[in-house]
């Protein structure tokens, strides 16, 4: 089920796919050198979160866009740790697909749905 519309001048980006799973988030340390986009699949290693590379294991979804491409140091950002998300609005690494990470996200309570189903 997809929610769409505009409320109080803010538009809904269709990232969320429904209310069935509570949407939880937390702050994490993001690795410098990347432009993080809302909906990007993320991995974690040694307490540092980065974009999930093809073949990597996704554990979070980026909550808000933040550009750290020219940052001198890692920075804090917010990620989603659970919820129901529209797969068409998620961002995988070049050459990778969101569907390739669906099974590893499910046990973490990150469930995927579709805008078109």
Protein backbone atom coordinates (compact mmCIF):
# COMPACT_ATOMS: atom_id res chain seq x y z
CA UNK A 1 0.00 0.00 0.00
CA UNK A 2 1.51 3.32 -1.01
CA UNK A 3 0.65 6.63 0.56
CA UNK A 4 0.86 9.73 -1.57
CA UNK A 5 -0.08 13.34 -1.18
CA UNK A 6 0.93 16.71 0.10
CA UNK A 7 0.34 17.99 3.61
CA UNK A 8 1.18 21.43 4.96
CA UNK A 9 3.53 22.16 2.06
CA UNK A 10 5.56 18.97 2.54
CA UNK A 11 5.42 16.20 -0.03
CA UNK A 12 5.62 12.53 0.74
CA UNK A 13 8.46 10.77 -1.10
CA UNK A 14 6.85 7.31 -1.02
CA UNK A 15 9.79 5.78 0.84
CA UNK A 16 7.50 4.12 3.37
CA UNK A 17 5.31 1.26 2.22
CA UNK A 18 2.87 1.02 5.11
CA UNK A 19 2.41 1.19 8.87
CA UNK A 20 2.50 -2.55 9.61
CA UNK A 21 6.09 -2.50 10.88
CA UNK A 22 7.13 0.25 13.32
CA UNK A 23 9.57 2.70 11.75
CA UNK A 24 12.57 2.96 14.06
CA UNK A 25 15.73 4.97 13.55
CA UNK A 26 19.03 5.71 15.21
CA UNK A 27 22.06 7.92 14.77
CA UNK A 28 25.21 6.30 13.40
CA UNK A 29 28.68 7.35 12.29
CA UNK A 30 28.78 7.67 8.50
CA UNK A 31 32.03 7.20 6.59
CA UNK A 32 33.34 10.32 4.87
CA UNK A 33 33.75 10.39 1.10
CA UNK A 34 30.18 9.55 0.01
CA UNK A 35 27.08 11.51 -0.92
CA UNK A 36 24.42 9.62 1.04
CA UNK A 37 20.90 9.75 -0.38
CA UNK A 38 17.61 9.20 1.42
CA UNK A 39 16.67 5.55 0.85
CA UNK A 40 20.23 4.30 0.23
CA UNK A 41 21.05 0.81 1.48
CA UNK A 42 23.80 0.88 4.12
CA UNK A 43 26.24 -1.57 5.71
CA UNK A 44 28.17 -1.38 8.98
CA UNK A 45 31.71 -2.49 9.79
CA UNK A 46 33.67 -1.69 12.96
CA UNK A 47 31.04 0.86 14.03
CA UNK A 48 31.26 2.87 10.80
CA UNK A 49 28.32 2.91 8.35
CA UNK A 50 28.81 3.20 4.60
CA UNK A 51 26.90 2.62 1.37
CA UNK A 52 26.33 -1.07 0.74
CA UNK A 53 28.65 -2.28 -2.01
CA UNK A 54 27.52 -4.90 -4.50
CA UNK A 55 27.76 -8.22 -2.69
CA UNK A 56 27.81 -6.50 0.72
CA UNK A 57 25.27 -6.99 3.48
CA UNK A 58 22.71 -4.21 3.97
CA UNK A 59 21.58 -3.50 7.54
CA UNK A 60 20.11 0.04 7.42
CA UNK A 61 18.32 2.49 5.15
CA UNK A 62 19.46 6.13 5.00
CA UNK A 63 16.88 8.46 6.53
CA UNK A 64 18.05 11.82 5.15
CA UNK A 65 20.43 12.86 2.43
CA UNK A 66 23.84 14.12 3.55
CA UNK A 67 26.85 14.87 1.35
CA UNK A 68 30.16 13.80 2.88
CA UNK A 69 32.12 13.59 -0.38
CA UNK A 70 34.47 16.43 0.63
CA UNK A 71 34.20 15.98 4.40
CA UNK A 72 37.42 15.96 6.41
CA UNK A 73 35.97 13.49 8.93
CA UNK A 74 33.22 10.96 9.43
CA UNK A 75 29.88 12.46 10.55
CA UNK A 76 26.73 11.47 12.40
CA UNK A 77 23.61 10.70 10.39
CA UNK A 78 20.23 9.08 10.95
CA UNK A 79 19.30 5.67 9.55
CA UNK A 80 16.17 3.54 9.63
CA UNK A 81 16.55 0.27 11.51
CA UNK A 82 13.07 -1.13 10.83
CA UNK A 83 9.94 -0.44 8.84
CA UNK A 84 8.11 -1.29 5.63
CA UNK A 85 9.66 0.40 2.59
CA UNK A 86 8.85 0.73 -1.11
CA UNK A 87 11.59 -1.05 -3.06
CA UNK A 88 11.28 1.40 -5.96
CA UNK A 89 12.39 4.26 -3.69
CA UNK A 90 15.43 2.46 -2.25
CA UNK A 91 18.90 2.98 -3.69
CA UNK A 92 21.38 0.16 -4.27
CA UNK A 93 25.00 0.46 -5.40
CA UNK A 94 25.77 0.64 -9.10
CA UNK A 95 25.47 -2.83 -10.60
CA UNK A 96 23.50 -4.06 -7.57
CA UNK A 97 19.75 -4.38 -6.97
CA UNK A 98 17.52 -3.77 -3.98
CA UNK A 99 15.98 -7.21 -4.51
CA UNK A 100 19.39 -8.83 -3.89
CA UNK A 101 19.23 -7.55 -0.28
CA UNK A 102 15.61 -8.32 0.56
CA UNK A 103 16.26 -11.63 2.33
CA UNK A 104 19.03 -10.20 4.55
CA UNK A 105 16.90 -7.19 5.54
CA UNK A 106 13.80 -9.21 6.49
CA UNK A 107 15.19 -10.64 9.80
CA UNK A 108 16.06 -7.04 10.80
CA UNK A 109 12.38 -6.01 10.44
CA UNK A 110 13.11 -4.05 7.27
CA UNK A 111 10.42 -5.34 4.92
CA UNK A 112 10.03 -4.37 1.28
CA UNK A 113 6.87 -3.83 -0.70
CA UNK A 114 6.12 -2.34 -4.08
CA UNK A 115 4.35 0.78 -5.27
CA UNK A 116 2.99 -1.18 -8.22
CA UNK A 117 1.73 -4.41 -6.63
